[in-house]
Amino acid sequence: MVIAIILLMGSSIIAEAYTLGSRTLMFGKVGEDVKELQIKLNQWGYSVGAPDGIYGKGTEKAIIQFQKDQGLVIDGIAGRNTINKLKAEKYIKYSVKPGDTLVKIANKFNTTVWKIKVNNNLNTDVIYVGERLNIPQSGPNTTSAYAIQSKSNYRLHITEEEMDWLTRAVYSEARGEPYKGQVAVAAVILNRVLHPRFPNTIKGVIFEPWAFTAVHDGQFWLEPKGTARQAVVDALKGWDPTGGATFYYNPAKVTSYWIYTRPVITRIGRHYFAT
């Protein structure tokens, strides 16, 4: 009897085929509309992983961040205003032309490389002439290729060149780390720029002698891939998983034992973050 009831309840959950916007969504909700919500969040760049139709902590966290960025009421609940904002962005089809890169296309359509990759299931930055891409349409861009998101809530205002340096630093220093660890490395660089003990420019911090192993051994000049750039954007928006750290190290690769004198705040992946 108990088994029959559980099966019946499970069947009723599966049978509820809501469409996104037909009800308010919050933690614990399950359904196709939740899955559509998760797809929209991924398209906007708020990664929730593979959509599973379950409104869990990851989806709630993404909604909260989306609400913060969009100036909406921050409650972690996907109500009418939040859903309408998520559904507002439209997409166009674009055929890749000779000389195109994802950065150039993002610049042209005032969007981000991250969004283009999410909307087209791209795992690399490689694109081909004639390939048809779904492009989030926000209107033409008349500024820098990296001035594609509002910088009013950035910790620092940066140039295209500085964005490239930050992305390279994150990729070369933390490409094997979890996403949170990549954001953490970007945050440390920003923390240094804002700290009186260090150079007050991104270039000065990154290229300070012996500051970063990847700069010293040349890995810094590897072509960034994956989520490095999005990690930089999240750090610029204020996410600091380190709690204000200005140093980090991997104990397996330490060359100067002085680093062990620094008070450790937290550990993320293989890196320890300290002040």
Protein backbone atom coordinates (compact mmCIF):
# COMPACT_ATOMS: atom_id res chain seq x y z
CA MET A 1 0.00 0.00 0.00
CA VAL A 2 2.80 2.42 0.94
CA ILE A 3 4.66 1.58 -2.25
CA ALA A 4 1.52 2.13 -4.31
CA ILE A 5 0.96 5.55 -2.72
CA ILE A 6 4.56 6.60 -3.38
CA LEU A 7 4.30 5.47 -6.99
CA LEU A 8 1.04 7.35 -7.39
CA MET A 9 2.56 10.51 -5.94
CA GLY A 10 5.57 10.15 -8.23
CA SER A 11 3.29 9.78 -11.24
CA SER A 12 1.35 12.93 -10.33
CA ILE A 13 4.60 14.94 -10.16
CA ILE A 14 5.69 13.74 -13.57
CA ALA A 15 2.24 14.44 -15.04
CA GLU A 16 2.28 18.11 -13.99
CA ALA A 17 3.46 19.77 -17.20
CA TYR A 18 3.55 23.44 -16.26
CA THR A 19 4.88 26.05 -18.67
CA LEU A 20 7.34 28.66 -17.46
CA GLY A 21 5.39 31.62 -16.11
CA SER A 22 2.22 29.73 -15.25
CA ARG A 23 3.12 29.56 -11.56
CA THR A 24 5.58 30.94 -9.02
CA LEU A 25 8.67 28.77 -8.62
CA MET A 26 10.68 28.35 -5.45
CA PHE A 27 12.89 25.90 -3.58
CA GLY A 28 11.45 22.38 -3.72
CA LYS A 29 9.33 22.83 -6.84
CA VAL A 30 9.62 20.19 -9.56
CA GLY A 31 8.48 20.23 -13.18
CA GLU A 32 9.13 21.05 -16.80
CA ASP A 33 8.80 24.76 -16.05
CA VAL A 34 11.64 24.46 -13.53
CA LYS A 35 13.73 22.78 -16.21
CA GLU A 36 12.93 25.63 -18.63
CA LEU A 37 13.85 28.12 -15.91
CA GLN A 38 17.22 26.39 -15.47
CA ILE A 39 17.83 26.49 -19.23
CA LYS A 40 17.12 30.24 -19.23
CA LEU A 41 19.50 30.77 -16.32
CA ASN A 42 22.25 28.89 -18.17
CA GLN A 43 21.60 30.99 -21.27
CA TRP A 44 22.00 34.18 -19.28
CA GLY A 45 25.30 32.90 -17.88
CA TYR A 46 24.08 31.88 -14.41
CA SER A 47 25.19 28.28 -14.53
CA VAL A 48 23.06 25.71 -12.70
CA GLY A 49 24.61 22.72 -14.43
CA ALA A 50 22.54 20.22 -16.39
CA PRO A 51 18.82 21.17 -16.15
CA ASP A 52 17.00 18.51 -14.11
CA GLY A 53 13.65 20.15 -13.37
CA ILE A 54 14.30 20.32 -9.61
CA TYR A 55 14.42 23.72 -7.90
CA GLY A 56 17.31 23.05 -5.54
CA LYS A 57 19.91 25.18 -3.80
CA GLY A 58 21.92 25.71 -7.00
CA THR A 59 18.89 27.08 -8.85
CA GLU A 60 17.90 29.25 -5.90
CA LYS A 61 21.43 30.68 -5.67
CA ALA A 62 21.43 31.46 -9.41
CA ILE A 63 18.04 33.20 -9.12
CA ILE A 64 19.29 35.31 -6.21
CA GLN A 65 22.34 36.42 -8.20
CA PHE A 66 20.19 37.14 -11.26
CA GLN A 67 17.84 39.24 -9.14
CA LYS A 68 20.76 41.17 -7.68
CA ASP A 69 22.20 41.91 -11.11
CA GLN A 70 18.85 42.93 -12.59
CA GLY A 71 17.70 45.16 -9.74
CA LEU A 72 14.78 42.89 -8.83
CA VAL A 73 13.44 41.97 -5.40
CA ILE A 74 15.99 39.54 -3.98
CA ASP A 75 14.13 36.58 -2.48
CA GLY A 76 15.33 33.52 -4.41
CA ILE A 77 11.81 33.00 -5.74
CA ALA A 78 11.06 33.00 -9.47
CA GLY A 79 7.88 35.06 -9.55
CA ARG A 80 6.32 36.92 -12.46
CA ASN A 81 8.86 39.78 -12.63
CA THR A 82 11.88 37.50 -12.42
CA ILE A 83 10.54 35.05 -15.01
CA ASN A 84 9.52 37.85 -17.39
CA LYS A 85 13.02 39.30 -17.18
CA LEU A 86 14.56 35.90 -17.88
CA LYS A 87 12.27 35.40 -20.89
CA ALA A 88 12.79 38.92 -22.25
CA GLU A 89 16.02 38.26 -24.16
CA LYS A 90 15.51 37.26 -27.80
CA TYR A 91 17.86 35.36 -30.07
CA ILE A 92 18.81 35.64 -33.71
CA LYS A 93 20.50 33.27 -36.11
CA TYR A 94 23.94 34.32 -37.29
CA SER A 95 26.10 32.69 -39.96
CA VAL A 96 29.81 32.75 -39.14
CA LYS A 97 31.83 34.75 -41.68
CA PRO A 98 35.54 34.61 -42.60
CA GLY A 99 37.61 36.31 -39.90
CA ASP A 100 34.93 35.95 -37.22
CA THR A 101 35.84 34.98 -33.67
CA LEU A 102 33.54 34.59 -30.69
CA VAL A 103 34.90 37.82 -29.23
CA LYS A 104 34.17 39.73 -32.45
CA ILE A 105 30.66 38.30 -32.66
CA ALA A 106 29.99 39.08 -28.99
CA ASN A 107 31.19 42.63 -29.56
CA LYS A 108 29.01 43.04 -32.64
CA PHE A 109 25.83 41.93 -30.90
CA ASN A 110 26.52 43.40 -27.46
CA THR A 111 26.51 40.04 -25.71
CA THR A 112 29.13 37.78 -24.10
CA VAL A 113 31.26 34.93 -25.34
CA TRP A 114 29.94 32.91 -22.41
CA LYS A 115 26.31 33.35 -23.50
CA ILE A 116 27.09 32.44 -27.10
CA LYS A 117 28.85 29.26 -25.99
CA VAL A 118 26.03 28.25 -23.63
CA ASN A 119 23.35 28.87 -26.27
CA ASN A 120 25.21 26.78 -28.84
CA ASN A 121 26.68 24.04 -26.62
CA LEU A 122 30.22 25.06 -27.53
CA ASN A 123 33.00 23.57 -25.44
CA THR A 124 35.80 25.50 -27.16
CA ASP A 125 36.26 28.90 -28.82
CA VAL A 126 36.62 27.26 -32.24
CA ILE A 127 33.96 28.22 -34.81
CA TYR A 128 33.72 27.56 -38.55
CA VAL A 129 32.77 29.67 -41.54
CA GLY A 130 29.12 29.02 -42.38
CA GLU A 131 28.29 27.68 -38.94
CA ARG A 132 24.90 28.94 -37.68
CA LEU A 133 24.90 30.33 -34.16
CA ASN A 134 22.09 31.38 -31.82
CA ILE A 135 23.03 34.90 -30.67
CA PRO A 136 21.39 36.61 -27.67
CA GLN A 137 20.12 39.89 -29.14
CA SER A 138 20.65 42.99 -27.04
CA GLY A 139 21.30 45.56 -29.76
CA PRO A 140 24.53 46.67 -31.44
CA ASN A 141 27.53 47.49 -29.30
CA THR A 142 29.40 50.74 -29.81
CA THR A 143 32.04 50.26 -27.15
CA SER A 144 34.73 47.77 -26.18
CA ALA A 145 34.32 44.06 -26.83
CA TYR A 146 34.31 43.57 -23.09
CA ALA A 147 31.98 46.44 -22.26
CA ILE A 148 29.15 43.99 -22.83
CA GLN A 149 27.76 43.91 -19.35
CA SER A 150 26.89 46.84 -17.13
CA LYS A 151 29.99 47.82 -15.18
CA SER A 152 28.10 49.93 -12.68
CA ASN A 153 28.31 47.05 -10.20
CA TYR A 154 31.90 46.04 -10.99
CA ARG A 155 34.55 46.38 -8.29
CA LEU A 156 36.86 47.92 -10.88
CA HIS A 157 36.32 49.46 -14.31
CA ILE A 158 38.58 47.62 -16.73
CA THR A 159 39.72 47.89 -20.32
CA GLU A 160 39.63 45.18 -22.97
CA GLU A 161 43.34 44.61 -22.48
CA GLU A 162 42.94 44.25 -18.71
CA MET A 163 40.11 41.76 -19.20
CA ASP A 164 42.40 39.72 -21.41
CA TRP A 165 45.18 39.77 -18.79
CA LEU A 166 42.79 38.75 -16.02
CA THR A 167 41.34 35.93 -18.11
CA ARG A 168 44.80 34.65 -18.98
CA ALA A 169 45.86 34.81 -15.35
CA VAL A 170 42.86 32.80 -14.19
CA TYR A 171 43.21 30.23 -16.96
CA SER A 172 46.94 29.72 -16.52
CA GLU A 173 46.86 29.68 -12.72
CA ALA A 174 43.60 27.79 -12.09
CA ARG A 175 42.44 25.92 -15.19
CA GLY A 176 42.42 22.63 -13.28
CA GLU A 177 40.48 24.06 -10.35
CA PRO A 178 36.72 24.07 -9.70
CA TYR A 179 34.83 27.12 -10.96
CA LYS A 180 34.71 28.61 -7.47
CA GLY A 181 38.50 28.29 -7.34
CA GLN A 182 38.84 30.17 -10.64
CA VAL A 183 36.69 33.01 -9.30
CA ALA A 184 38.84 32.99 -6.16
CA VAL A 185 42.06 33.52 -8.13
CA ALA A 186 40.49 36.44 -9.99
CA ALA A 187 39.30 37.87 -6.67
CA VAL A 188 42.81 37.72 -5.20
CA ILE A 189 44.14 39.78 -8.11
CA LEU A 190 41.39 42.37 -7.63
CA ASN A 191 42.01 42.40 -3.87
CA ARG A 192 45.65 43.17 -4.51
CA VAL A 193 44.83 46.04 -6.86
CA LEU A 194 42.70 47.57 -4.10
CA HIS A 195 45.23 46.89 -1.31
CA PRO A 196 47.87 49.55 -0.49
CA ARG A 197 50.57 46.88 -0.18
CA PHE A 198 50.42 46.01 -3.89
CA PRO A 199 50.52 47.82 -7.25
CA ASN A 200 47.26 49.67 -7.91
CA THR A 201 46.73 48.43 -11.47
CA ILE A 202 45.82 45.03 -12.88
CA LYS A 203 48.92 45.05 -15.07
CA GLY A 204 51.11 46.00 -12.12
CA VAL A 205 49.74 43.18 -9.97
CA ILE A 206 49.86 40.45 -12.61
CA PHE A 207 53.31 41.31 -13.91
CA GLU A 208 54.90 42.06 -10.55
CA PRO A 209 58.16 40.02 -10.52
CA TRP A 210 57.72 36.50 -9.13
CA ALA A 211 54.12 37.19 -8.10
CA PHE A 212 52.53 34.49 -10.29
CA THR A 213 54.17 31.24 -11.37
CA ALA A 214 52.30 31.16 -14.70
CA VAL A 215 53.69 34.55 -15.70
CA HIS A 216 57.20 33.48 -14.78
CA ASP A 217 57.14 30.16 -16.66
CA GLY A 218 55.21 31.43 -19.70
CA GLN A 219 51.93 29.54 -19.20
CA PHE A 220 50.25 32.92 -18.87
CA TRP A 221 50.32 33.25 -22.67
CA LEU A 222 48.28 30.08 -23.27
CA GLU A 223 45.01 30.78 -25.08
CA PRO A 224 42.27 30.90 -22.40
CA LYS A 225 39.45 28.36 -22.68
CA GLY A 226 36.48 27.20 -20.71
CA THR A 227 35.06 29.32 -17.91
CA ALA A 228 38.07 31.54 -17.15
CA ARG A 229 36.51 34.70 -18.53
CA GLN A 230 33.17 34.17 -16.79
CA ALA A 231 35.07 33.62 -13.52
CA VAL A 232 36.66 37.05 -13.99
CA VAL A 233 33.23 38.62 -14.61
CA ASP A 234 31.84 37.06 -11.43
CA ALA A 235 34.80 38.35 -9.43
CA LEU A 236 34.36 41.81 -10.92
CA LYS A 237 30.71 41.71 -9.88
CA GLY A 238 31.82 41.20 -6.28
CA TRP A 239 31.95 37.46 -5.67
CA ASP A 240 34.98 36.79 -3.49
CA PRO A 241 34.99 33.15 -2.29
CA THR A 242 38.26 33.84 -0.45
CA GLY A 243 36.87 36.34 2.03
CA GLY A 244 39.42 39.02 1.13
CA ALA A 245 42.59 36.98 0.52
CA THR A 246 45.62 38.58 -1.13
CA PHE A 247 47.70 35.40 -1.41
CA TYR A 248 47.09 31.82 -2.52
CA TYR A 249 49.29 28.76 -2.93
CA ASN A 250 49.28 25.07 -3.74
CA PRO A 251 51.27 23.26 -0.99
CA ALA A 252 52.48 20.70 -3.55
CA LYS A 253 54.17 23.43 -5.61
CA VAL A 254 55.47 25.86 -2.99
CA THR A 255 58.98 27.14 -3.73
CA SER A 256 59.20 29.71 -0.94
CA TYR A 257 58.29 28.59 2.56
CA TRP A 258 57.61 32.21 3.52
CA ILE A 259 54.08 31.74 2.23
CA TYR A 260 53.34 29.44 5.17
CA THR A 261 53.62 32.44 7.50
CA ARG A 262 50.49 33.97 5.99
CA PRO A 263 47.23 33.38 7.92
CA VAL A 264 45.00 31.01 5.93
CA ILE A 265 41.38 32.05 5.41
CA THR A 266 40.07 29.11 3.41
CA ARG A 267 40.89 26.28 1.03
CA ILE A 268 39.26 25.89 -2.38
CA GLY A 269 40.32 22.95 -4.53
CA ARG A 270 44.08 22.60 -4.28
CA HIS A 271 44.71 26.22 -3.30
CA TYR A 272 44.99 27.73 0.15
CA PHE A 273 43.95 31.40 0.35
CA ALA A 274 45.58 33.69 2.86
CA THR A 275 46.13 37.29 3.90
